Amino acid sequence: MKSKLLALLFLAGSAAFAGPRIFFGVGVGYPAPVAVYAPPPPPPVAYGYVPVAPGPGYSWVSGYYYPVGPRYVWRPGYWARPPYARARWFGPRYYGGRYYRGYWRR
């Protein structure tokens, strides 16, 4: 009896999903823009002592603030090897209410 009941439920459930599909609705445009929280601009960058390069081919990446949730965290400067020849570091910036990460570029 249980197996017949389960088979009936299975067939009834699959028949409900196997039929033709007809959808009626009103065309909807793009959703309304969602307000995104943008933290206030970071504090001014602190300039200080630049240590001696650890070797030839290193570039100095100056310290910068980066967003972590609703606040900014200071990342001190460091020496780094460029990822490819003649690459130059462009530091992060805050412009127009948005934060843009730093990047390497020729």
Protein backbone atom coordinates (compact mmCIF):
# COMPACT_ATOMS: atom_id res chain seq x y z
CA MET A 1 0.00 0.00 0.00
CA LYS A 2 2.81 2.39 0.89
CA SER A 3 4.61 1.73 -2.38
CA LYS A 4 1.43 2.47 -4.38
CA LEU A 5 0.91 5.70 -2.45
CA LEU A 6 4.51 6.77 -3.03
CA ALA A 7 4.23 5.92 -6.74
CA LEU A 8 1.01 7.95 -7.00
CA LEU A 9 2.62 10.93 -5.26
CA PHE A 10 5.67 10.67 -7.49
CA LEU A 11 3.59 10.54 -10.68
CA ALA A 12 1.31 13.35 -9.55
CA GLY A 13 4.31 15.53 -8.68
CA SER A 14 6.11 14.84 -11.95
CA ALA A 15 2.93 15.42 -13.99
CA ALA A 16 2.56 18.84 -12.44
CA PHE A 17 6.03 19.78 -13.66
CA ALA A 18 5.87 18.04 -17.06
CA GLY A 19 2.92 19.97 -18.52
CA PRO A 20 3.18 22.90 -20.92
CA ARG A 21 4.31 26.16 -19.45
CA ILE A 22 2.46 29.41 -20.09
CA PHE A 23 3.57 32.52 -18.29
CA PHE A 24 1.64 35.74 -18.10
CA GLY A 25 3.19 38.87 -16.74
CA VAL A 26 3.95 42.47 -17.26
CA GLY A 27 7.35 43.41 -18.65
CA VAL A 28 9.53 44.81 -15.96
CA GLY A 29 12.43 47.15 -16.66
CA TYR A 30 15.72 47.24 -14.89
CA PRO A 31 15.58 47.11 -11.11
CA ALA A 32 16.00 50.32 -9.17
CA PRO A 33 19.61 51.12 -8.30
CA VAL A 34 20.67 49.87 -4.92
CA ALA A 35 22.30 52.33 -2.53
CA VAL A 36 25.83 51.16 -1.82
CA TYR A 37 27.64 52.33 1.28
CA ALA A 38 30.79 54.23 0.46
CA PRO A 39 33.00 55.08 3.42
CA PRO A 40 34.21 58.67 3.64
CA PRO A 41 37.56 59.50 2.03
CA PRO A 42 40.60 58.09 3.79
CA PRO A 43 42.81 60.30 5.97
CA PRO A 44 45.74 62.08 4.33
CA VAL A 45 48.70 59.85 3.51
CA ALA A 46 51.61 60.08 5.94
CA TYR A 47 55.00 60.50 4.29
CA GLY A 48 58.14 59.42 6.03
CA TYR A 49 61.46 57.66 5.79
CA VAL A 50 62.14 55.37 2.81
CA PRO A 51 64.59 52.59 3.70
CA VAL A 52 67.42 51.53 1.42
CA ALA A 53 66.43 49.16 -1.40
CA PRO A 54 67.15 45.50 -0.64
CA GLY A 55 68.76 45.06 -4.05
CA PRO A 56 68.73 46.13 -7.69
CA GLY A 57 65.43 45.92 -9.56
CA TYR A 58 63.15 46.76 -6.61
CA SER A 59 60.54 49.55 -6.66
CA TRP A 60 59.22 51.43 -3.66
CA VAL A 61 55.47 51.10 -3.07
CA SER A 62 54.53 53.96 -0.78
CA GLY A 63 52.13 53.41 2.11
CA TYR A 64 48.40 53.75 1.52
CA TYR A 65 45.01 53.34 3.16
CA TYR A 66 42.65 50.60 1.98
CA PRO A 67 39.00 50.04 2.97
CA VAL A 68 38.05 47.28 5.38
CA GLY A 69 34.32 47.46 6.00
CA PRO A 70 33.31 50.95 7.16
CA ARG A 71 36.87 52.12 7.93
CA TYR A 72 40.33 52.40 6.40
CA VAL A 73 43.46 50.53 7.43
CA TRP A 74 47.00 51.80 6.85
CA ARG A 75 49.34 49.63 4.78
CA PRO A 76 52.94 50.78 5.34
CA GLY A 77 55.25 51.20 2.36
CA TYR A 78 57.43 48.35 1.15
CA TRP A 79 59.94 47.36 -1.51
CA ALA A 80 58.62 45.06 -4.26
CA ARG A 81 59.89 43.58 -7.47
CA PRO A 82 57.82 44.74 -10.46
CA PRO A 83 55.87 41.91 -12.12
CA TYR A 84 57.40 42.67 -15.55
CA ALA A 85 60.11 44.83 -17.13
CA ARG A 86 59.73 48.64 -16.89
CA ALA A 87 56.57 48.31 -14.77
CA ARG A 88 55.63 51.28 -12.61
CA TRP A 89 53.42 51.30 -9.51
CA PHE A 90 50.35 53.54 -9.54
CA GLY A 91 49.06 53.88 -6.00
CA PRO A 92 45.43 53.52 -4.93
CA ARG A 93 43.16 56.55 -5.00
CA TYR A 94 39.77 57.71 -3.78
CA TYR A 95 37.82 59.59 -6.44
CA GLY A 96 34.13 60.41 -6.87
CA GLY A 97 33.09 58.46 -3.79
CA ARG A 98 34.82 55.27 -4.98
CA TYR A 99 38.06 53.59 -4.00
CA TYR A 100 40.36 52.41 -6.82
CA ARG A 101 43.07 49.87 -6.01
CA GLY A 102 46.72 50.37 -6.92
CA TYR A 103 48.20 48.58 -9.93
CA TRP A 104 51.38 47.96 -11.93
CA ARG A 105 51.62 49.38 -15.44
CA ARG A 106 54.20 50.24 -18.10
